[in-house]
PDB file of N, CA and C in Angstrom:
ATOM      1  N   MET A   1     124.005  94.683  99.018  1.00  0.00           N
ATOM      2  CA  MET A   1     123.284  95.878  99.358  1.00  0.00           C
ATOM      3  C   MET A   1     121.855  95.526  99.733  1.00  0.00           C
ATOM      4  N   ALA A   2     121.375  96.041 100.849  1.00  0.00           N
ATOM      5  CA  ALA A   2     120.024  95.761 101.322  1.00  0.00           C
ATOM      6  C   ALA A   2     119.002  96.475 100.443  1.00  0.00           C
ATOM      7  N   THR A   3     117.947  95.782 100.146  1.00  0.00           N
ATOM      8  CA  THR A   3     116.847  96.325  99.370  1.00  0.00           C
ATOM      9  C   THR A   3     115.678  96.575 100.310  1.00  0.00           C
ATOM     10  N   LYS A   4     114.969  97.683 100.102  1.00  0.00           N
ATOM     11  CA  LYS A   4     113.771  97.974 100.882  1.00  0.00           C
ATOM     12  C   LYS A   4     112.593  97.296 100.183  1.00  0.00           C
ATOM     13  N   VAL A   5     111.957  96.366 100.908  1.00  0.00           N
ATOM     14  CA  VAL A   5     110.899  95.549 100.330  1.00  0.00           C
ATOM     15  C   VAL A   5     109.602  95.789 101.094  1.00  0.00           C
ATOM     16  N   PHE A   6     108.504  95.975 100.366  1.00  0.00           N
ATOM     17  CA  PHE A   6     107.178  96.109 100.950  1.00  0.00           C
ATOM     18  C   PHE A   6     106.382  94.879 100.550  1.00  0.00           C
ATOM     19  N   VAL A   7     105.872  94.146 101.540  1.00  0.00           N
ATOM     20  CA  VAL A   7     105.136  92.911 101.280  1.00  0.00           C
ATOM     21  C   VAL A   7     103.693  93.081 101.744  1.00  0.00           C
ATOM     22  N   SER A   8     102.762  93.103 100.800  1.00  0.00           N
ATOM     23  CA  SER A   8     101.351  93.105 101.170  1.00  0.00           C
ATOM     24  C   SER A   8     100.958  91.660 101.484  1.00  0.00           C
ATOM     25  N   GLY A   9     100.234  91.483 102.564  1.00  0.00           N
ATOM     26  CA  GLY A   9      99.886  90.133 102.996  1.00  0.00           C
ATOM     27  C   GLY A   9     100.994  89.469 103.787  1.00  0.00           C
ATOM     28  N   ALA A  10     101.848  90.264 104.401  1.00  0.00           N
ATOM     29  CA  ALA A  10     103.026  89.738 105.093  1.00  0.00           C
ATOM     30  C   ALA A  10     102.694  88.875 106.299  1.00  0.00           C
ATOM     31  N   SER A  11     101.560  89.105 106.929  1.00  0.00           N
ATOM     32  CA  SER A  11     101.243  88.325 108.125  1.00  0.00           C
ATOM     33  C   SER A  11     100.455  87.068 107.803  1.00  0.00           C
ATOM     34  N   GLY A  12     100.225  86.823 106.530  1.00  0.00           N
ATOM     35  CA  GLY A  12      99.463  85.651 106.119  1.00  0.00           C
ATOM     36  C   GLY A  12     100.307  84.389 106.057  1.00  0.00           C
ATOM     37  N   VAL A  13      99.671  83.335 105.628  1.00  0.00           N
ATOM     38  CA  VAL A  13     100.287  82.007 105.582  1.00  0.00           C
ATOM     39  C   VAL A  13     101.588  82.014 104.774  1.00  0.00           C
ATOM     40  N   ILE A  14     101.549  82.577 103.598  1.00  0.00           N
ATOM     41  CA  ILE A  14     102.725  82.617 102.731  1.00  0.00           C
ATOM     42  C   ILE A  14     103.639  83.775 103.113  1.00  0.00           C
ATOM     43  N   GLY A  15     103.042  84.908 103.416  1.00  0.00           N
ATOM     44  CA  GLY A  15     103.801  86.115 103.708  1.00  0.00           C
ATOM     45  C   GLY A  15     104.776  85.980 104.868  1.00  0.00           C
ATOM     46  N   ARG A  16     104.363  85.295 105.943  1.00  0.00           N
ATOM     47  CA  ARG A  16     105.255  85.151 107.110  1.00  0.00           C
ATOM     48  C   ARG A  16     106.552  84.445 106.744  1.00  0.00           C
ATOM     49  N   SER A  17     106.462  83.417 105.954  1.00  0.00           N
ATOM     50  CA  SER A  17     107.678  82.704 105.529  1.00  0.00           C
ATOM     51  C   SER A  17     108.538  83.585 104.636  1.00  0.00           C
ATOM     52  N   LEU A  18     107.899  84.295 103.743  1.00  0.00           N
ATOM     53  CA  LEU A  18     108.632  85.157 102.820  1.00  0.00           C
ATOM     54  C   LEU A  18     109.361  86.280 103.553  1.00  0.00           C
ATOM     55  N   VAL A  19     108.675  86.971 104.470  1.00  0.00           N
ATOM     56  CA  VAL A  19     109.337  88.088 105.145  1.00  0.00           C
ATOM     57  C   VAL A  19     110.496  87.609 106.010  1.00  0.00           C
ATOM     58  N   ARG A  20     110.363  86.428 106.578  1.00  0.00           N
ATOM     59  CA  ARG A  20     111.473  85.870 107.367  1.00  0.00           C
ATOM     60  C   ARG A  20     112.687  85.642 106.479  1.00  0.00           C
ATOM     61  N   LEU A  21     112.476  85.082 105.298  1.00  0.00           N
ATOM     62  CA  LEU A  21     113.577  84.846 104.361  1.00  0.00           C
ATOM     63  C   LEU A  21     114.204  86.153 103.896  1.00  0.00           C
ATOM     64  N   LEU A  22     113.368  87.135 103.573  1.00  0.00           N
ATOM     65  CA  LEU A  22     113.883  88.428 103.129  1.00  0.00           C
ATOM     66  C   LEU A  22     114.689  89.107 104.228  1.00  0.00           C
ATOM     67  N   HIS A  23     114.156  89.091 105.443  1.00  0.00           N
ATOM     68  CA  HIS A  23     114.851  89.709 106.580  1.00  0.00           C
ATOM     69  C   HIS A  23     116.182  89.010 106.833  1.00  0.00           C
ATOM     70  N   ASP A  24     116.163  87.685 106.832  1.00  0.00           N
ATOM     71  CA  ASP A  24     117.389  86.918 107.084  1.00  0.00           C
ATOM     72  C   ASP A  24     118.437  87.138 105.994  1.00  0.00           C
ATOM     73  N   ALA A  25     117.992  87.516 104.794  1.00  0.00           N
ATOM     74  CA  ALA A  25     118.918  87.798 103.696  1.00  0.00           C
ATOM     75  C   ALA A  25     119.455  89.222 103.769  1.00  0.00           C
ATOM     76  N   GLY A  26     119.027  89.979 104.783  1.00  0.00           N
ATOM     77  CA  GLY A  26     119.574  91.312 104.995  1.00  0.00           C
ATOM     78  C   GLY A  26     118.763  92.458 104.409  1.00  0.00           C
ATOM     79  N   HIS A  27     117.576  92.171 103.916  1.00  0.00           N
ATOM     80  CA  HIS A  27     116.744  93.219 103.339  1.00  0.00           C
ATOM     81  C   HIS A  27     115.955  93.934 104.438  1.00  0.00           C
ATOM     82  N   THR A  28     115.598  95.180 104.167  1.00  0.00           N
ATOM     83  CA  THR A  28     114.736  95.945 105.057  1.00  0.00           C
ATOM     84  C   THR A  28     113.306  95.708 104.597  1.00  0.00           C
ATOM     85  N   VAL A  29     112.508  95.112 105.472  1.00  0.00           N
ATOM     86  CA  VAL A  29     111.176  94.666 105.077  1.00  0.00           C
ATOM     87  C   VAL A  29     110.105  95.405 105.868  1.00  0.00           C
ATOM     88  N   THR A  30     109.086  95.854 105.151  1.00  0.00           N
ATOM     89  CA  THR A  30     107.865  96.376 105.754  1.00  0.00           C
ATOM     90  C   THR A  30     106.730  95.522 105.230  1.00  0.00           C
ATOM     91  N   GLY A  31     105.887  95.041 106.129  1.00  0.00           N
ATOM     92  CA  GLY A  31     104.781  94.189 105.717  1.00  0.00           C
ATOM     93  C   GLY A  31     103.452  94.678 106.234  1.00  0.00           C
ATOM     94  N   THR A  32     102.389  94.263 105.550  1.00  0.00           N
ATOM     95  CA  THR A  32     101.048  94.642 105.976  1.00  0.00           C
ATOM     96  C   THR A  32     100.387  93.524 106.757  1.00  0.00           C
ATOM     97  N   SER A  33      99.486  93.953 107.616  1.00  0.00           N
ATOM     98  CA  SER A  33      98.622  93.046 108.353  1.00  0.00           C
ATOM     99  C   SER A  33      97.266  93.707 108.483  1.00  0.00           C
ATOM    100  N   GLN A  34      96.241  92.904 108.611  1.00  0.00           N
ATOM    101  CA  GLN A  34      94.904  93.437 108.834  1.00  0.00           C
ATOM    102  C   GLN A  34      94.664  93.744 110.311  1.00  0.00           C
ATOM    103  N   THR A  35      95.508  93.184 111.188  1.00  0.00           N
ATOM    104  CA  THR A  35      95.253  93.291 112.621  1.00  0.00           C
ATOM    105  C   THR A  35      96.505  93.703 113.397  1.00  0.00           C
ATOM    106  N   ALA A  36      96.265  94.228 114.589  1.00  0.00           N
ATOM    107  CA  ALA A  36      97.381  94.560 115.475  1.00  0.00           C
ATOM    108  C   ALA A  36      98.130  93.297 115.888  1.00  0.00           C
ATOM    109  N   GLU A  37      97.422  92.198 116.044  1.00  0.00           N
ATOM    110  CA  GLU A  37      98.069  90.925 116.394  1.00  0.00           C
ATOM    111  C   GLU A  37      99.046  90.498 115.302  1.00  0.00           C
ATOM    112  N   GLY A  38      98.630  90.617 114.041  1.00  0.00           N
ATOM    113  CA  GLY A  38      99.515  90.294 112.921  1.00  0.00           C
ATOM    114  C   GLY A  38     100.712  91.215 112.876  1.00  0.00           C
ATOM    115  N   ARG A  39     100.474  92.493 113.129  1.00  0.00           N
ATOM    116  CA  ARG A  39     101.580  93.461 113.180  1.00  0.00           C
ATOM    117  C   ARG A  39     102.594  93.054 114.226  1.00  0.00           C
ATOM    118  N   ASP A  40     102.103  92.675 115.412  1.00  0.00           N
ATOM    119  CA  ASP A  40     102.999  92.280 116.496  1.00  0.00           C
ATOM    120  C   ASP A  40     103.825  91.058 116.127  1.00  0.00           C
ATOM    121  N   LYS A  41     103.219  90.102 115.419  1.00  0.00           N
ATOM    122  CA  LYS A  41     103.950  88.903 114.989  1.00  0.00           C
ATOM    123  C   LYS A  41     105.048  89.263 113.991  1.00  0.00           C
ATOM    124  N   LEU A  42     104.755  90.191 113.092  1.00  0.00           N
ATOM    125  CA  LEU A  42     105.769  90.623 112.124  1.00  0.00           C
ATOM    126  C   LEU A  42     106.907  91.343 112.827  1.00  0.00           C
ATOM    127  N   GLU A  43     106.570  92.224 113.747  1.00  0.00           N
ATOM    128  CA  GLU A  43     107.604  92.956 114.470  1.00  0.00           C
ATOM    129  C   GLU A  43     108.489  92.010 115.279  1.00  0.00           C
ATOM    130  N   ALA A  44     107.904  90.929 115.796  1.00  0.00           N
ATOM    131  CA  ALA A  44     108.692  89.934 116.533  1.00  0.00           C
ATOM    132  C   ALA A  44     109.704  89.237 115.620  1.00  0.00           C
ATOM    133  N   LEU A  45     109.426  89.230 114.317  1.00  0.00           N
ATOM    134  CA  LEU A  45     110.361  88.658 113.337  1.00  0.00           C
ATOM    135  C   LEU A  45     111.424  89.661 112.914  1.00  0.00           C
ATOM    136  N   GLY A  46     111.309  90.897 113.409  1.00  0.00           N
ATOM    137  CA  GLY A  46     112.268  91.930 113.041  1.00  0.00           C
ATOM    138  C   GLY A  46     111.862  92.700 111.797  1.00  0.00           C
ATOM    139  N   VAL A  47     110.601  92.602 111.444  1.00  0.00           N
ATOM    140  CA  VAL A  47     110.077  93.219 110.234  1.00  0.00           C
ATOM    141  C   VAL A  47     109.250  94.441 110.614  1.00  0.00           C
ATOM    142  N   GLY A  48     109.410  95.533 109.865  1.00  0.00           N
ATOM    143  CA  GLY A  48     108.531  96.677 110.048  1.00  0.00           C
ATOM    144  C   GLY A  48     107.131  96.276 109.624  1.00  0.00           C
ATOM    145  N   ALA A  49     106.115  96.791 110.302  1.00  0.00           N
ATOM    146  CA  ALA A  49     104.761  96.360 109.984  1.00  0.00           C
ATOM    147  C   ALA A  49     103.789  97.521 110.080  1.00  0.00           C
ATOM    148  N   VAL A  50     102.755  97.435 109.273  1.00  0.00           N
ATOM    149  CA  VAL A  50     101.700  98.437 109.278  1.00  0.00           C
ATOM    150  C   VAL A  50     100.360  97.713 109.199  1.00  0.00           C
ATOM    151  N   VAL A  51      99.421  98.163 110.024  1.00  0.00           N
ATOM    152  CA  VAL A  51      98.056  97.636 109.946  1.00  0.00           C
ATOM    153  C   VAL A  51      97.319  98.470 108.910  1.00  0.00           C
ATOM    154  N   VAL A  52      96.795  97.802 107.899  1.00  0.00           N
ATOM    155  CA  VAL A  52      96.098  98.522 106.831  1.00  0.00           C
ATOM    156  C   VAL A  52      95.032  97.619 106.212  1.00  0.00           C
ATOM    157  N   ASP A  53      93.936  98.231 105.838  1.00  0.00           N
ATOM    158  CA  ASP A  53      92.893  97.541 105.084  1.00  0.00           C
ATOM    159  C   ASP A  53      93.287  97.652 103.611  1.00  0.00           C
ATOM    160  N   VAL A  54      93.670  96.551 103.012  1.00  0.00           N
ATOM    161  CA  VAL A  54      94.176  96.599 101.637  1.00  0.00           C
ATOM    162  C   VAL A  54      93.094  96.950 100.624  1.00  0.00           C
ATOM    163  N   PHE A  55      91.834  96.955 101.045  1.00  0.00           N
ATOM    164  CA  PHE A  55      90.758  97.379 100.158  1.00  0.00           C
ATOM    165  C   PHE A  55      90.522  98.885 100.252  1.00  0.00           C
ATOM    166  N   ASP A  56      91.238  99.554 101.133  1.00  0.00           N
ATOM    167  CA  ASP A  56      91.192 101.011 101.254  1.00  0.00           C
ATOM    168  C   ASP A  56      92.380 101.554 100.469  1.00  0.00           C
ATOM    169  N   ALA A  57      92.128 101.913  99.222  1.00  0.00           N
ATOM    170  CA  ALA A  57      93.209 102.297  98.308  1.00  0.00           C
ATOM    171  C   ALA A  57      94.045 103.445  98.848  1.00  0.00           C
ATOM    172  N   ASP A  58      93.404 104.446  99.432  1.00  0.00           N
ATOM    173  CA  ASP A  58      94.160 105.592  99.941  1.00  0.00           C
ATOM    174  C   ASP A  58      95.065 105.188 101.102  1.00  0.00           C
ATOM    175  N   ALA A  59      94.562 104.360 102.001  1.00  0.00           N
ATOM    176  CA  ALA A  59      95.368 103.908 103.142  1.00  0.00           C
ATOM    177  C   ALA A  59      96.537 103.051 102.667  1.00  0.00           C
ATOM    178  N   LEU A  60      96.293 102.201 101.688  1.00  0.00           N
ATOM    179  CA  LEU A  60      97.361 101.347 101.164  1.00  0.00           C
ATOM    180  C   LEU A  60      98.422 102.181 100.450  1.00  0.00           C
ATOM    181  N   LYS A  61      97.992 103.156  99.662  1.00  0.00           N
ATOM    182  CA  LYS A  61      98.952 104.044  98.989  1.00  0.00           C
ATOM    183  C   LYS A  61      99.808 104.784 100.013  1.00  0.00           C
ATOM    184  N   GLU A  62      99.182 105.246 101.084  1.00  0.00           N
ATOM    185  CA  GLU A  62      99.922 105.952 102.138  1.00  0.00           C
ATOM    186  C   GLU A  62     100.947 105.033 102.795  1.00  0.00           C
ATOM    187  N   ALA A  63     100.561 103.789 103.055  1.00  0.00           N
ATOM    188  CA  ALA A  63     101.484 102.834 103.671  1.00  0.00           C
ATOM    189  C   ALA A  63     102.687 102.576 102.768  1.00  0.00           C
ATOM    190  N   VAL A  64     102.442 102.419 101.476  1.00  0.00           N
ATOM    191  CA  VAL A  64     103.540 102.183 100.525  1.00  0.00           C
ATOM    192  C   VAL A  64     104.403 103.436 100.419  1.00  0.00           C
ATOM    193  N   TRP A  65     103.780 104.585 100.309  1.00  0.00           N
ATOM    194  CA  TRP A  65     104.513 105.850 100.203  1.00  0.00           C
ATOM    195  C   TRP A  65     105.422 106.045 101.411  1.00  0.00           C
ATOM    196  N   THR A  66     104.892 105.778 102.602  1.00  0.00           N
ATOM    197  CA  THR A  66     105.661 105.954 103.838  1.00  0.00           C
ATOM    198  C   THR A  66     106.852 105.000 103.876  1.00  0.00           C
ATOM    199  N   ALA A  67     106.646 103.773 103.437  1.00  0.00           N
ATOM    200  CA  ALA A  67     107.730 102.781 103.453  1.00  0.00           C
ATOM    201  C   ALA A  67     108.775 103.068 102.377  1.00  0.00           C
ATOM    202  N   SER A  68     108.393 103.741 101.329  1.00  0.00           N
ATOM    203  CA  SER A  68     109.236 104.055 100.164  1.00  0.00           C
ATOM    204  C   SER A  68     110.128 102.878  99.747  1.00  0.00           C
ATOM    205  N   PRO A  69     109.492 101.753  99.377  1.00  0.00           N
ATOM    206  CA  PRO A  69     110.276 100.562  99.032  1.00  0.00           C
ATOM    207  C   PRO A  69     110.892 100.625  97.639  1.00  0.00           C
ATOM    208  N   ASP A  70     111.910  99.781  97.460  1.00  0.00           N
ATOM    209  CA  ASP A  70     112.490  99.556  96.141  1.00  0.00           C
ATOM    210  C   ASP A  70     111.683  98.500  95.383  1.00  0.00           C
ATOM    211  N   VAL A  71     111.059  97.602  96.152  1.00  0.00           N
ATOM    212  CA  VAL A  71     110.343  96.455  95.582  1.00  0.00           C
ATOM    213  C   VAL A  71     109.015  96.285  96.315  1.00  0.00           C
ATOM    214  N   LEU A  72     107.960  95.981  95.555  1.00  0.00           N
ATOM    215  CA  LEU A  72     106.661  95.631  96.114  1.00  0.00           C
ATOM    216  C   LEU A  72     106.394  94.163  95.824  1.00  0.00           C
ATOM    217  N   ILE A  73     105.956  93.434  96.835  1.00  0.00           N
ATOM    218  CA  ILE A  73     105.604  92.022  96.637  1.00  0.00           C
ATOM    219  C   ILE A  73     104.181  91.817  97.125  1.00  0.00           C
ATOM    220  N   HIS A  74     103.356  91.227  96.268  1.00  0.00           N
ATOM    221  CA  HIS A  74     101.943  90.975  96.551  1.00  0.00           C
ATOM    222  C   HIS A  74     101.794  89.524  97.023  1.00  0.00           C
ATOM    223  N   GLN A  75     101.433  89.351  98.293  1.00  0.00           N
ATOM    224  CA  GLN A  75     101.190  88.014  98.833  1.00  0.00           C
ATOM    225  C   GLN A  75      99.817  87.946  99.490  1.00  0.00           C
ATOM    226  N   LEU A  76      98.884  88.745  99.014  1.00  0.00           N
ATOM    227  CA  LEU A  76      97.539  88.739  99.580  1.00  0.00           C
ATOM    228  C   LEU A  76      96.799  87.491  99.138  1.00  0.00           C
ATOM    229  N   THR A  77      96.331  86.745 100.101  1.00  0.00           N
ATOM    230  CA  THR A  77      95.524  85.554  99.836  1.00  0.00           C
ATOM    231  C   THR A  77      94.435  85.487 100.891  1.00  0.00           C
ATOM    232  N   ASP A  78      93.573  84.550 100.749  1.00  0.00           N
ATOM    233  CA  ASP A  78      92.559  84.285 101.755  1.00  0.00           C
ATOM    234  C   ASP A  78      92.720  82.830 102.194  1.00  0.00           C
ATOM    235  N   LEU A  79      93.894  82.527 102.732  1.00  0.00           N
ATOM    236  CA  LEU A  79      94.231  81.156 103.123  1.00  0.00           C
ATOM    237  C   LEU A  79      94.320  80.993 104.636  1.00  0.00           C
ATOM    238  N   SER A  80      93.596  81.814 105.372  1.00  0.00           N
ATOM    239  CA  SER A  80      93.727  81.822 106.828  1.00  0.00           C
ATOM    240  C   SER A  80      93.248  80.543 107.483  1.00  0.00           C
ATOM    241  N   GLY A  81      92.451  79.761 106.788  1.00  0.00           N
ATOM    242  CA  GLY A  81      91.932  78.550 107.400  1.00  0.00           C
ATOM    243  C   GLY A  81      90.667  78.797 108.201  1.00  0.00           C
ATOM    244  N   ASP A  82      90.135  80.002 108.151  1.00  0.00           N
ATOM    245  CA  ASP A  82      88.935  80.343 108.904  1.00  0.00           C
ATOM    246  C   ASP A  82      87.666  80.071 108.110  1.00  0.00           C
ATOM    247  N   HIS A  83      87.751  79.246 107.116  1.00  0.00           N
ATOM    248  CA  HIS A  83      86.621  79.028 106.226  1.00  0.00           C
ATOM    249  C   HIS A  83      86.143  77.579 106.286  1.00  0.00           C
ATOM    250  N   ASP A  84      85.951  77.065 107.482  1.00  0.00           N
ATOM    251  CA  ASP A  84      85.561  75.666 107.615  1.00  0.00           C
ATOM    252  C   ASP A  84      84.302  75.345 106.835  1.00  0.00           C
ATOM    253  N   SER A  85      83.354  76.280 106.814  1.00  0.00           N
ATOM    254  CA  SER A  85      82.100  76.003 106.135  1.00  0.00           C
ATOM    255  C   SER A  85      82.125  76.398 104.664  1.00  0.00           C
ATOM    256  N   ALA A  86      83.176  77.090 104.253  1.00  0.00           N
ATOM    257  CA  ALA A  86      83.251  77.558 102.866  1.00  0.00           C
ATOM    258  C   ALA A  86      83.674  76.425 101.941  1.00  0.00           C
ATOM    259  N   SER A  87      83.112  76.453 100.757  1.00  0.00           N
ATOM    260  CA  SER A  87      83.503  75.477  99.747  1.00  0.00           C
ATOM    261  C   SER A  87      84.837  75.905  99.143  1.00  0.00           C
ATOM    262  N   PRO A  88      85.529  74.997  98.490  1.00  0.00           N
ATOM    263  CA  PRO A  88      86.778  75.390  97.807  1.00  0.00           C
ATOM    264  C   PRO A  88      86.548  76.530  96.829  1.00  0.00           C
ATOM    265  N   GLU A  89      85.399  76.544  96.144  1.00  0.00           N
ATOM    266  CA  GLU A  89      85.101  77.626  95.198  1.00  0.00           C
ATOM    267  C   GLU A  89      84.959  78.959  95.923  1.00  0.00           C
ATOM    268  N   GLU A  90      84.321  78.987  97.081  1.00  0.00           N
ATOM    269  CA  GLU A  90      84.185  80.225  97.856  1.00  0.00           C
ATOM    270  C   GLU A  90      85.562  80.727  98.299  1.00  0.00           C
ATOM    271  N   ASN A  91      86.432  79.809  98.698  1.00  0.00           N
ATOM    272  CA  ASN A  91      87.791  80.200  99.090  1.00  0.00           C
ATOM    273  C   ASN A  91      88.561  80.787  97.904  1.00  0.00           C
ATOM    274  N   ARG A  92      88.442  80.179  96.733  1.00  0.00           N
ATOM    275  CA  ARG A  92      89.115  80.709  95.546  1.00  0.00           C
ATOM    276  C   ARG A  92      88.587  82.099  95.202  1.00  0.00           C
ATOM    277  N   ASN A  93      87.279  82.277  95.300  1.00  0.00           N
ATOM    278  CA  ASN A  93      86.687  83.585  94.979  1.00  0.00           C
ATOM    279  C   ASN A  93      87.144  84.647  95.970  1.00  0.00           C
ATOM    280  N   ALA A  94      87.264  84.299  97.248  1.00  0.00           N
ATOM    281  CA  ALA A  94      87.731  85.268  98.249  1.00  0.00           C
ATOM    282  C   ALA A  94      89.159  85.666  97.965  1.00  0.00           C
ATOM    283  N   THR A  95      90.005  84.714  97.606  1.00  0.00           N
ATOM    284  CA  THR A  95      91.395  85.022  97.283  1.00  0.00           C
ATOM    285  C   THR A  95      91.471  85.830  95.992  1.00  0.00           C
ATOM    286  N   ARG A  96      90.678  85.469  95.008  1.00  0.00           N
ATOM    287  CA  ARG A  96      90.682  86.165  93.724  1.00  0.00           C
ATOM    288  C   ARG A  96      90.316  87.642  93.899  1.00  0.00           C
ATOM    289  N   ALA A  97      89.483  87.968  94.874  1.00  0.00           N
ATOM    290  CA  ALA A  97      89.074  89.353  95.110  1.00  0.00           C
ATOM    291  C   ALA A  97      90.257  90.251  95.409  1.00  0.00           C
ATOM    292  N   PHE A  98      91.340  89.692  95.957  1.00  0.00           N
ATOM    293  CA  PHE A  98      92.513  90.495  96.277  1.00  0.00           C
ATOM    294  C   PHE A  98      93.242  91.008  95.052  1.00  0.00           C
ATOM    295  N   VAL A  99      93.103  90.349  93.925  1.00  0.00           N
ATOM    296  CA  VAL A  99      93.887  90.734  92.764  1.00  0.00           C
ATOM    297  C   VAL A  99      93.059  91.407  91.669  1.00  0.00           C
ATOM    298  N   GLU A 100      91.790  91.573  91.891  1.00  0.00           N
ATOM    299  CA  GLU A 100      90.939  92.218  90.883  1.00  0.00           C
ATOM    300  C   GLU A 100      90.886  93.699  91.074  1.00  0.00           C
TER     301      GLU A 100
END
């Protein structure tokens, strides 16, 4: 039986691999992205996608409510690789902000 899964951070480094596995296993997946480009990449994988600012609690609640998933998976990280000048500690702090 297919499970409806909502993945926050679906267009990220870890999320893309996860949503592909979930989709290939027959689950109905909706994932978040910060950008339209990320949304398009998820849709190309056959995954439903929504552009949402995960720091906007009301927008995120609406996205989850609309998807009405059976399961929520948190894959929000700050591992984009866009932090060439950032120290490892700055990268950890940016990622930690997602879960506080």
